[in-house]
């Protein structure tokens, strides 16, 4: 992967915080005034029911933590690396933190390019990186009992294909 500078021009394309987002507003901002854009690919992740009783349990939440400043810069650097790797114009990542209920939006990855193929690949690459290497920590809480979530082998395998190719 290409080296990424210490500061990142893509830092403005990263938001990490507790606030929800509107996909159409974010896509409009990403493609505003760029008449080269022929494809916009988005991925929206939501908090899913992680156990059968979670949705019916009072106070079931997914809690996400991160290191402010470090997390945003890390994501911005990955966007810069992705823009070098794929033929895309721009990318936007929004990741929510704090307590999130089942069905809440948790992440948005949006990518613009001239053609869909590179945009799809870039979006998938960024999402795979977010699942494996981004500095976030997740805890599932049901009925006041919390458990930290370990990395999944399937997420690591998905990221390995990008490291090899």
Protein backbone atom coordinates (compact mmCIF):
# COMPACT_ATOMS: atom_id res chain seq x y z
CA UNK A 1 0.00 0.00 0.00
CA UNK A 2 1.22 3.51 -0.74
CA UNK A 3 2.69 5.54 2.07
CA UNK A 4 0.38 8.16 3.47
CA UNK A 5 1.56 11.57 4.66
CA UNK A 6 1.39 12.53 8.35
CA UNK A 7 -1.42 14.98 7.62
CA UNK A 8 -4.24 14.15 5.28
CA UNK A 9 -6.11 16.16 2.69
CA UNK A 10 -9.06 13.80 3.27
CA UNK A 11 -9.51 14.76 6.92
CA UNK A 12 -12.48 16.96 5.95
CA UNK A 13 -14.18 13.82 4.54
CA UNK A 14 -14.24 12.09 7.93
CA UNK A 15 -16.74 12.52 10.74
CA UNK A 16 -16.65 10.50 13.94
CA UNK A 17 -19.21 11.28 16.61
CA UNK A 18 -22.53 10.41 18.19
CA UNK A 19 -24.79 12.23 15.71
CA UNK A 20 -26.90 10.39 13.14
CA UNK A 21 -26.51 11.22 9.44
CA UNK A 22 -28.71 11.62 6.36
CA UNK A 23 -27.42 9.60 3.42
CA UNK A 24 -28.91 11.80 0.68
CA UNK A 25 -27.45 14.95 2.26
CA UNK A 26 -24.01 13.36 2.51
CA UNK A 27 -24.09 12.09 -1.08
CA UNK A 28 -25.17 15.52 -2.34
CA UNK A 29 -22.24 17.13 -0.50
CA UNK A 30 -19.79 14.55 -1.83
CA UNK A 31 -20.72 15.05 -5.48
CA UNK A 32 -21.58 18.77 -5.38
CA UNK A 33 -20.26 20.55 -8.44
CA UNK A 34 -18.17 17.60 -9.67
CA UNK A 35 -19.48 16.91 -13.17
CA UNK A 36 -16.97 14.08 -13.67
CA UNK A 37 -18.98 11.86 -11.31
CA UNK A 38 -20.72 9.01 -13.10
CA UNK A 39 -21.03 6.69 -10.10
CA UNK A 40 -21.77 7.07 -6.42
CA UNK A 41 -21.51 3.96 -4.28
CA UNK A 42 -22.65 4.01 -0.67
CA UNK A 43 -22.63 1.53 2.16
CA UNK A 44 -24.68 2.11 5.29
CA UNK A 45 -24.12 -0.20 8.23
CA UNK A 46 -26.71 -0.52 10.97
CA UNK A 47 -26.66 -2.04 14.43
CA UNK A 48 -28.10 -5.51 14.02
CA UNK A 49 -29.64 -7.75 16.60
CA UNK A 50 -26.64 -9.68 17.90
CA UNK A 51 -28.57 -12.13 20.10
CA UNK A 52 -32.14 -13.37 19.88
CA UNK A 53 -33.20 -11.58 23.07
CA UNK A 54 -31.34 -8.31 22.41
CA UNK A 55 -34.14 -6.51 20.54
CA UNK A 56 -36.69 -7.25 23.24
CA UNK A 57 -34.33 -6.43 26.11
CA UNK A 58 -34.62 -3.06 27.74
CA UNK A 59 -31.54 -0.94 27.18
CA UNK A 60 -29.86 -3.21 24.62
CA UNK A 61 -27.16 -1.09 22.99
CA UNK A 62 -23.94 -1.36 21.07
CA UNK A 63 -21.39 0.99 22.63
CA UNK A 64 -18.55 2.22 20.45
CA UNK A 65 -15.45 3.92 21.76
CA UNK A 66 -12.49 5.51 20.02
CA UNK A 67 -9.55 7.87 20.51
CA UNK A 68 -10.68 11.32 19.28
CA UNK A 69 -8.24 12.85 16.83
CA UNK A 70 -6.32 9.64 16.24
CA UNK A 71 -9.35 7.86 14.80
CA UNK A 72 -10.23 10.63 12.35
CA UNK A 73 -6.64 10.94 11.12
CA UNK A 74 -6.34 7.17 10.73
CA UNK A 75 -9.50 7.04 8.60
CA UNK A 76 -8.41 10.06 6.54
CA UNK A 77 -5.07 8.41 5.81
CA UNK A 78 -6.87 5.27 4.67
CA UNK A 79 -9.08 7.34 2.37
CA UNK A 80 -5.93 8.90 0.88
CA UNK A 81 -4.41 5.46 0.35
CA UNK A 82 -7.66 4.21 -1.22
CA UNK A 83 -7.71 7.18 -3.61
CA UNK A 84 -4.21 6.22 -4.74
CA UNK A 85 -5.17 2.58 -5.14
CA UNK A 86 -8.50 3.04 -6.97
CA UNK A 87 -9.56 5.39 -9.76
CA UNK A 88 -12.01 7.41 -7.65
CA UNK A 89 -12.63 11.11 -7.14
CA UNK A 90 -13.64 11.33 -3.53
CA UNK A 91 -14.77 9.36 -0.48
CA UNK A 92 -16.62 10.16 2.72
CA UNK A 93 -16.69 8.15 5.95
CA UNK A 94 -19.01 8.84 8.87
CA UNK A 95 -18.75 6.57 11.89
CA UNK A 96 -20.90 6.96 14.95
CA UNK A 97 -19.69 6.35 18.49
CA UNK A 98 -21.36 6.13 21.88
CA UNK A 99 -24.41 4.02 22.70
CA UNK A 100 -26.44 2.94 19.66
CA UNK A 101 -29.70 1.00 19.67
CA UNK A 102 -30.58 -1.89 17.41
CA UNK A 103 -31.45 -0.61 13.89
CA UNK A 104 -29.51 2.68 14.36
CA UNK A 105 -27.20 3.72 11.56
CA UNK A 106 -23.60 3.21 12.59
CA UNK A 107 -21.42 3.86 9.53
CA UNK A 108 -21.55 5.46 6.09
CA UNK A 109 -18.95 4.94 3.39
CA UNK A 110 -19.61 6.86 0.17
CA UNK A 111 -17.36 6.95 -2.91
CA UNK A 112 -17.54 8.86 -6.20
CA UNK A 113 -15.86 7.95 -9.49
CA UNK A 114 -16.42 8.06 -13.22
CA UNK A 115 -17.46 4.40 -13.33
CA UNK A 116 -19.09 2.01 -10.85
CA UNK A 117 -16.44 -0.74 -10.73
CA UNK A 118 -13.73 1.31 -9.05
CA UNK A 119 -16.27 2.96 -6.74
CA UNK A 120 -17.61 -0.43 -5.58
CA UNK A 121 -14.10 -1.77 -4.99
CA UNK A 122 -13.00 1.33 -3.10
CA UNK A 123 -16.12 1.30 -0.92
CA UNK A 124 -15.63 -2.37 -0.08
CA UNK A 125 -11.92 -1.81 0.63
CA UNK A 126 -12.67 1.06 3.02
CA UNK A 127 -15.40 -0.91 4.79
CA UNK A 128 -13.13 -3.96 5.17
CA UNK A 129 -10.44 -1.71 6.64
CA UNK A 130 -12.94 -0.10 9.05
CA UNK A 131 -14.01 -3.56 10.28
CA UNK A 132 -10.44 -4.76 10.91
CA UNK A 133 -7.96 -1.95 11.46
CA UNK A 134 -9.82 1.23 12.42
CA UNK A 135 -9.30 2.19 16.06
CA UNK A 136 -12.80 1.48 17.38
CA UNK A 137 -13.86 -0.74 20.26
CA UNK A 138 -17.34 -2.27 20.46
CA UNK A 139 -19.22 -3.49 23.48
CA UNK A 140 -22.60 -5.24 23.34
CA UNK A 141 -24.78 -4.42 26.34
CA UNK A 142 -27.97 -6.36 27.19
CA UNK A 143 -29.82 -6.00 30.49
CA UNK A 144 -26.92 -4.02 31.93
CA UNK A 145 -24.38 -6.74 31.15
CA UNK A 146 -21.66 -5.70 28.70
CA UNK A 147 -19.27 -7.79 26.64
CA UNK A 148 -16.46 -6.47 24.43
CA UNK A 149 -16.66 -7.72 20.84
CA UNK A 150 -13.65 -9.56 19.46
CA UNK A 151 -12.53 -9.29 15.86
CA UNK A 152 -14.08 -11.86 13.54
CA UNK A 153 -11.92 -14.15 11.44
CA UNK A 154 -14.16 -13.52 8.41
CA UNK A 155 -13.42 -9.77 8.62
CA UNK A 156 -9.68 -10.46 8.75
CA UNK A 157 -9.97 -12.77 5.74
CA UNK A 158 -11.83 -10.08 3.80
CA UNK A 159 -9.05 -7.57 4.50
CA UNK A 160 -6.30 -10.09 3.66
CA UNK A 161 -7.34 -10.14 0.00
CA UNK A 162 -6.59 -6.39 -0.22
CA UNK A 163 -3.21 -6.84 1.46
CA UNK A 164 -2.25 -9.55 -1.02
CA UNK A 165 -3.39 -7.75 -4.13
